Amino acid sequence: MRVLSGTKPTGEMLHLGNYFGALRQFVALQEKYDDALYFIADYHSMTSVRDGALRRRYTEAVALDYLGAGLDPQKAILFRQSDIPEVTELTWILTSVTPMGMLERAHAYKAAMDRGEAVDHGLFTYPVLMAADILLYHADVVPVGQDQKQHIEMTRDMAQRFNHAYDCEALVLPEPYTLDDTAVVPGTDGRKMSKSYDNTIQMFAAKKPLKKSVMGIVTDSTPVEEPKEPTGPLFDLWRLFADQAESEALATRARAGGLGYGDVKKELLEKILDHFGPMRERRDHYAGRPDEVEDILRQGAVRARAIAEPVLERCREAAGLGEPG
């Protein structure tokens, strides 16, 4: 069984939402499946990042975050999407069997249109590139959140359309693996944690900026001495780092009165620093060895292409492209 997922490099560092929503589960899945492939989706970032140097920096940051979080390059394949030329060819092949109507129903496209944004072709055909990412490696299982299931449905549809059009079984239909949605991690303003909302807490941030983010978590104006219900983004984030007994003890303290939000924030800061401490050390190790990181990505691409090339060749043969087999 083969599992595959990717992360788009659009910022300096991944945040708590990325970690609890996906990354920690990716690390666990490398132990569960025979093959685990994780790619840095730098082609996908081109719809929003328009600076080449910045993209390279963001790509390196994602690699460091994956390695810091515990991704083992001996067990999993970590690679850069743009190091696999086969993915762009398969994207074109799939584009030729994908109806316009399907792409017009894509959530990201519809949301952009609703916001009145100027939509480019890259965003419109984004689901086709995503399908190529999945189908190129014959992925059996694709970890996704609840809001991403449409991508898998569209990928399966494209694969079926290609196989039917050319009377073949060149492409394998993937199955979604729904990620644990303790995963909807609140941001500092109470909305879902997201870079687009500027409400994130970076998982590997240094103590000073981390403290600034934590202390900026929105709370109400209930005085310290008053009882408080342990709800809202501050308590939800605190519970991510606590077991049931600790969570129940915090709830008791809050309802009894005398517990200030500032005290909870200080405890949360220490929990974050403790939880990510060993991972931060591992990330720092790799950050000081950029050649080693690049070698991991390079070797990952070699391993990924060894899987991708036969899949693309079967598609080319079925579609009558290139020299006859």
Protein backbone atom coordinates (compact mmCIF):
# COMPACT_ATOMS: atom_id res chain seq x y z
CA MET A 1 0.00 0.00 0.00
CA ARG A 2 1.24 3.46 -0.90
CA VAL A 3 0.34 6.75 0.83
CA LEU A 4 1.01 10.16 -0.71
CA SER A 5 0.49 13.79 0.24
CA GLY A 6 2.03 17.19 -0.39
CA THR A 7 2.42 20.61 1.20
CA LYS A 8 2.42 23.92 -0.65
CA PRO A 9 5.37 26.19 0.27
CA THR A 10 3.78 29.57 0.87
CA GLY A 11 5.42 30.74 4.08
CA GLU A 12 8.58 30.74 6.17
CA MET A 13 7.42 28.04 8.57
CA LEU A 14 4.52 25.66 9.09
CA HIS A 15 2.09 26.42 11.92
CA LEU A 16 0.21 24.51 14.60
CA GLY A 17 -2.71 23.92 12.24
CA ASN A 18 -0.39 22.24 9.73
CA TYR A 19 1.14 20.11 12.46
CA PHE A 20 -1.97 18.88 14.26
CA GLY A 21 -4.05 18.78 11.10
CA ALA A 22 -1.61 16.84 8.96
CA LEU A 23 2.12 16.75 9.62
CA ARG A 24 2.15 14.67 12.79
CA GLN A 25 -0.14 12.18 11.07
CA PHE A 26 2.13 12.04 8.02
CA VAL A 27 4.99 11.06 10.32
CA ALA A 28 2.84 8.32 11.85
CA LEU A 29 1.76 7.02 8.44
CA GLN A 30 5.37 6.40 7.37
CA GLU A 31 5.33 3.58 9.93
CA LYS A 32 1.98 2.17 8.77
CA TYR A 33 2.44 1.94 5.00
CA ASP A 34 5.07 0.17 2.90
CA ASP A 35 5.59 3.27 0.76
CA ALA A 36 5.09 6.86 1.91
CA LEU A 37 5.68 9.75 -0.50
CA TYR A 38 5.57 13.39 0.63
CA PHE A 39 6.28 16.19 -1.81
CA ILE A 40 6.79 19.92 -1.55
CA ALA A 41 4.26 21.34 -4.02
CA ASP A 42 6.28 24.23 -5.43
CA TYR A 43 4.39 24.19 -8.76
CA HIS A 44 1.15 24.72 -6.82
CA SER A 45 2.65 27.70 -5.01
CA MET A 46 3.02 29.53 -8.34
CA THR A 47 -0.63 30.64 -8.18
CA SER A 48 0.16 32.82 -5.17
CA VAL A 49 3.95 33.26 -4.79
CA ARG A 50 5.43 35.38 -7.59
CA ASP A 51 9.02 35.64 -6.35
CA GLY A 52 11.46 32.88 -7.35
CA ALA A 53 13.95 33.45 -4.53
CA LEU A 54 11.12 33.48 -2.02
CA ARG A 55 9.73 30.21 -3.39
CA ARG A 56 13.11 28.53 -2.93
CA ARG A 57 13.28 29.79 0.65
CA TYR A 58 9.76 28.59 1.41
CA THR A 59 10.51 25.21 -0.19
CA GLU A 60 13.58 24.76 1.99
CA ALA A 61 11.54 25.77 5.04
CA VAL A 62 8.94 23.06 4.38
CA ALA A 63 11.70 20.46 3.96
CA LEU A 64 13.21 21.51 7.29
CA ASP A 65 9.81 21.41 9.00
CA TYR A 66 9.11 17.89 7.70
CA LEU A 67 12.52 16.63 8.77
CA GLY A 68 12.31 18.41 12.10
CA ALA A 69 8.89 16.90 12.80
CA GLY A 70 10.32 13.41 12.37
CA LEU A 71 9.96 12.47 8.72
CA ASP A 72 12.58 9.78 8.14
CA PRO A 73 14.06 9.88 4.60
CA GLN A 74 15.00 6.21 5.01
CA LYS A 75 11.32 5.29 5.48
CA ALA A 76 9.54 7.95 3.45
CA ILE A 77 10.31 9.65 0.15
CA LEU A 78 10.56 13.43 0.48
CA PHE A 79 10.92 15.32 -2.78
CA ARG A 80 10.28 18.56 -4.65
CA GLN A 81 7.36 18.48 -7.06
CA SER A 82 9.22 20.44 -9.72
CA ASP A 83 12.00 17.82 -9.82
CA ILE A 84 9.53 15.40 -11.44
CA PRO A 85 8.99 16.46 -15.09
CA GLU A 86 6.52 13.62 -15.58
CA VAL A 87 3.93 15.45 -13.48
CA THR A 88 3.48 18.27 -15.99
CA GLU A 89 3.07 15.85 -18.91
CA LEU A 90 0.47 13.83 -17.04
CA THR A 91 -1.30 17.09 -16.16
CA TRP A 92 -1.71 17.86 -19.87
CA ILE A 93 -2.88 14.32 -20.62
CA LEU A 94 -5.52 14.60 -17.89
CA THR A 95 -6.54 18.10 -19.01
CA SER A 96 -7.60 16.59 -22.33
CA VAL A 97 -10.26 14.42 -20.65
CA THR A 98 -11.39 16.86 -17.92
CA PRO A 99 -14.67 18.74 -18.54
CA MET A 100 -14.76 22.50 -17.98
CA GLY A 101 -17.81 22.06 -15.79
CA MET A 102 -15.88 19.93 -13.32
CA LEU A 103 -13.22 22.60 -12.91
CA GLU A 104 -15.86 25.32 -12.54
CA ARG A 105 -17.28 23.41 -9.57
CA ALA A 106 -13.93 23.29 -7.75
CA HIS A 107 -14.13 24.93 -4.31
CA ALA A 108 -10.98 27.05 -4.69
CA TYR A 109 -12.07 28.43 -8.06
CA LYS A 110 -15.61 29.21 -6.87
CA ALA A 111 -14.32 30.89 -3.72
CA ALA A 112 -11.93 33.06 -5.74
CA MET A 113 -14.71 34.05 -8.11
CA ASP A 114 -17.01 34.88 -5.18
CA ARG A 115 -14.32 37.16 -3.78
CA GLY A 116 -14.06 38.91 -7.14
CA GLU A 117 -10.43 37.90 -7.66
CA ALA A 118 -8.74 37.86 -11.06
CA VAL A 119 -8.50 34.09 -11.64
CA ASP A 120 -5.66 32.83 -13.80
CA HIS A 121 -5.45 29.55 -15.70
CA GLY A 122 -3.18 28.09 -13.02
CA LEU A 123 -5.84 28.39 -10.33
CA PHE A 124 -8.58 27.18 -12.69
CA THR A 125 -6.67 24.00 -13.64
CA TYR A 126 -5.22 23.51 -10.15
CA PRO A 127 -7.29 20.31 -9.60
CA VAL A 128 -5.77 18.70 -12.70
CA LEU A 129 -2.21 19.22 -11.48
CA MET A 130 -3.29 17.89 -8.09
CA ALA A 131 -4.77 14.81 -9.76
CA ALA A 132 -1.53 14.25 -11.67
CA ASP A 133 0.38 14.48 -8.38
CA ILE A 134 -1.70 11.63 -7.01
CA LEU A 135 -2.16 9.40 -10.06
CA LEU A 136 1.47 9.55 -11.18
CA TYR A 137 2.58 7.44 -8.22
CA HIS A 138 -0.33 4.98 -8.16
CA ALA A 139 -1.15 6.22 -4.66
CA ASP A 140 -3.59 3.92 -2.90
CA VAL A 141 -4.28 6.28 0.01
CA VAL A 142 -4.28 10.08 0.10
CA PRO A 143 -4.58 11.78 3.51
CA VAL A 144 -6.98 14.73 3.31
CA GLY A 145 -9.05 16.90 5.61
CA GLN A 146 -12.83 17.01 5.34
CA ASP A 147 -12.64 20.14 3.18
CA GLN A 148 -10.32 18.47 0.66
CA LYS A 149 -12.36 15.38 -0.20
CA GLN A 150 -13.54 17.03 -3.41
CA HIS A 151 -9.97 16.81 -4.74
CA ILE A 152 -9.97 13.03 -4.40
CA GLU A 153 -13.40 12.73 -6.00
CA MET A 154 -12.21 14.80 -8.96
CA THR A 155 -8.99 12.80 -9.21
CA ARG A 156 -10.92 9.53 -9.32
CA ASP A 157 -13.23 11.00 -11.97
CA MET A 158 -10.28 12.06 -14.17
CA ALA A 159 -8.64 8.65 -13.85
CA GLN A 160 -11.87 6.89 -14.78
CA ARG A 161 -12.37 9.19 -17.77
CA PHE A 162 -8.85 8.52 -19.05
CA ASN A 163 -9.09 4.75 -18.54
CA HIS A 164 -12.48 4.70 -20.28
CA ALA A 165 -11.41 6.95 -23.18
CA TYR A 166 -8.43 4.74 -23.99
CA ASP A 167 -9.90 1.40 -22.89
CA CYS A 168 -7.09 0.76 -20.41
CA GLU A 169 -6.32 0.48 -16.70
CA ALA A 170 -3.29 2.75 -16.76
CA LEU A 171 -4.39 4.79 -13.75
CA VAL A 172 -5.28 3.51 -10.28
CA LEU A 173 -8.16 5.15 -8.43
CA PRO A 174 -7.01 6.46 -5.02
CA GLU A 175 -8.93 6.27 -1.77
CA PRO A 176 -9.13 9.20 0.68
CA TYR A 177 -7.73 8.80 4.18
CA THR A 178 -9.57 11.28 6.36
CA LEU A 179 -7.19 13.02 8.71
CA ASP A 180 -8.05 13.35 12.37
CA ASP A 181 -9.97 16.57 12.60
CA THR A 182 -8.95 17.54 16.11
CA ALA A 183 -7.30 19.03 13.13
CA VAL A 184 -9.48 22.11 12.95
CA VAL A 185 -7.01 24.15 14.98
CA PRO A 186 -8.20 27.64 15.95
CA GLY A 187 -6.08 30.64 15.10
CA THR A 188 -5.27 33.49 17.44
CA ASP A 189 -8.48 35.27 16.36
CA GLY A 190 -10.76 32.23 16.79
CA ARG A 191 -11.11 31.44 13.10
CA LYS A 192 -9.45 28.36 11.60
CA MET A 193 -5.68 28.79 11.76
CA SER A 194 -4.53 29.85 8.31
CA LYS A 195 -1.77 31.93 6.75
CA SER A 196 -4.41 33.75 4.71
CA TYR A 197 -6.02 35.01 7.94
CA ASP A 198 -2.65 36.01 9.46
CA ASN A 199 -3.68 34.25 12.69
CA THR A 200 -1.07 31.50 12.93
CA ILE A 201 1.30 30.28 15.62
CA GLN A 202 4.42 28.89 13.99
CA MET A 203 5.49 25.53 15.35
CA PHE A 204 9.22 26.26 15.27
CA ALA A 205 9.19 29.98 16.02
CA ALA A 206 11.81 31.34 18.42
CA LYS A 207 10.59 32.10 21.94
CA LYS A 208 10.15 35.87 21.52
CA PRO A 209 7.93 35.82 18.38
CA LEU A 210 6.17 32.71 19.69
CA LYS A 211 5.33 34.55 22.92
CA LYS A 212 3.99 37.49 20.91
CA SER A 213 1.68 35.17 18.95
CA VAL A 214 0.43 33.34 22.06
CA MET A 215 -0.16 36.53 24.02
CA GLY A 216 -2.14 37.85 21.06
CA ILE A 217 -4.78 35.11 21.28
CA VAL A 218 -8.18 36.79 21.48
CA THR A 219 -10.08 36.42 24.77
CA ASP A 220 -13.01 38.22 26.37
CA SER A 221 -12.81 40.82 29.16
CA THR A 222 -13.83 38.61 32.09
CA PRO A 223 -11.83 39.71 35.19
CA VAL A 224 -9.27 37.35 36.72
CA GLU A 225 -11.34 36.64 39.83
CA GLU A 226 -14.50 35.71 37.88
CA PRO A 227 -15.34 32.11 36.86
CA LYS A 228 -14.75 31.32 33.20
CA GLU A 229 -16.05 28.68 30.84
CA PRO A 230 -13.03 26.82 29.34
CA THR A 231 -14.05 27.50 25.75
CA GLY A 232 -12.70 29.57 22.89
CA PRO A 233 -9.40 29.54 20.99
CA LEU A 234 -7.12 29.86 24.04
CA PHE A 235 -8.52 26.84 25.84
CA ASP A 236 -8.86 24.85 22.61
CA LEU A 237 -5.18 25.41 21.81
CA TRP A 238 -4.13 24.60 25.39
CA ARG A 239 -5.97 21.26 25.20
CA LEU A 240 -4.01 20.23 22.09
CA PHE A 241 -0.98 19.83 24.34
CA ALA A 242 -2.74 18.20 27.32
CA ASP A 243 -4.18 14.82 28.23
CA GLN A 244 -7.71 14.38 29.51
CA ALA A 245 -6.79 14.69 33.20
CA GLU A 246 -4.90 17.95 32.59
CA SER A 247 -7.79 19.32 30.54
CA GLU A 248 -10.30 18.48 33.26
CA ALA A 249 -8.07 20.09 35.90
CA LEU A 250 -7.80 23.27 33.82
CA ALA A 251 -11.59 23.38 33.40
CA THR A 252 -12.03 23.09 37.18
CA ARG A 253 -9.58 25.94 37.79
CA ALA A 254 -11.27 28.16 35.22
CA ARG A 255 -14.78 27.61 36.60
CA ALA A 256 -13.63 28.23 40.17
CA GLY A 257 -12.46 31.76 39.36
CA GLY A 258 -9.07 33.28 40.08
CA LEU A 259 -7.47 32.02 36.86
CA GLY A 260 -6.45 34.78 34.48
CA TYR A 261 -6.22 34.40 30.73
CA GLY A 262 -2.63 35.65 30.95
CA ASP A 263 -1.75 32.68 33.18
CA VAL A 264 -3.28 30.24 30.69
CA LYS A 265 -1.32 31.88 27.88
CA LYS A 266 1.94 31.53 29.81
CA GLU A 267 1.22 27.85 30.40
CA LEU A 268 0.39 27.38 26.72
CA LEU A 269 3.66 29.03 25.70
CA GLU A 270 5.64 26.61 27.88
CA LYS A 271 3.70 23.65 26.54
CA ILE A 272 4.46 24.64 22.95
CA LEU A 273 8.16 25.15 23.73
CA ASP A 274 8.37 21.77 25.51
CA HIS A 275 6.44 19.86 22.85
CA PHE A 276 8.45 21.14 19.91
CA GLY A 277 11.80 21.37 21.73
CA PRO A 278 13.30 18.08 20.44
CA MET A 279 11.85 18.73 16.97
CA ARG A 280 13.33 22.24 16.95
CA GLU A 281 16.76 20.78 17.73
CA ARG A 282 16.41 18.33 14.86
CA ARG A 283 15.28 21.11 12.52
CA ASP A 284 18.25 23.26 13.57
CA HIS A 285 20.54 20.32 12.82
CA TYR A 286 19.30 20.15 9.23
CA ALA A 287 19.18 23.94 8.86
CA GLY A 288 22.91 23.98 9.46
CA ARG A 289 23.45 21.34 6.76
CA PRO A 290 21.75 22.63 3.59
CA ASP A 291 23.75 20.27 1.36
CA GLU A 292 22.40 17.30 3.33
CA VAL A 293 18.83 18.55 2.91
CA GLU A 294 19.36 19.06 -0.80
CA ASP A 295 20.75 15.55 -1.10
CA ILE A 296 17.66 14.15 0.66
CA LEU A 297 15.42 15.97 -1.83
CA ARG A 298 17.57 14.89 -4.77
CA GLN A 299 17.54 11.24 -3.73
CA GLY A 300 13.83 11.50 -3.03
CA ALA A 301 13.24 12.71 -6.58
CA VAL A 302 15.22 9.77 -7.98
CA ARG A 303 13.09 7.33 -6.00
CA ALA A 304 9.86 9.12 -6.90
CA ARG A 305 10.70 9.17 -10.62
CA ALA A 306 11.39 5.44 -10.53
CA ILE A 307 7.73 5.03 -9.55
CA ALA A 308 6.38 7.76 -11.85
CA GLU A 309 8.09 6.85 -15.13
CA PRO A 310 6.36 3.49 -15.69
CA VAL A 311 2.96 5.02 -14.88
CA LEU A 312 3.43 7.84 -17.37
CA GLU A 313 4.74 5.41 -19.98
CA ARG A 314 1.58 3.31 -19.68
CA CYS A 315 -0.51 6.46 -20.17
CA ARG A 316 1.56 7.50 -23.21
CA GLU A 317 1.27 4.04 -24.72
CA ALA A 318 -2.49 3.91 -24.15
CA ALA A 319 -2.95 7.38 -25.66
CA GLY A 320 -0.69 6.67 -28.65
CA LEU A 321 1.98 9.19 -27.70
CA GLY A 322 5.67 8.84 -28.59
CA GLU A 323 7.32 5.79 -30.09
CA PRO A 324 5.24 2.60 -30.14
CA GLY A 325 5.96 0.28 -27.21
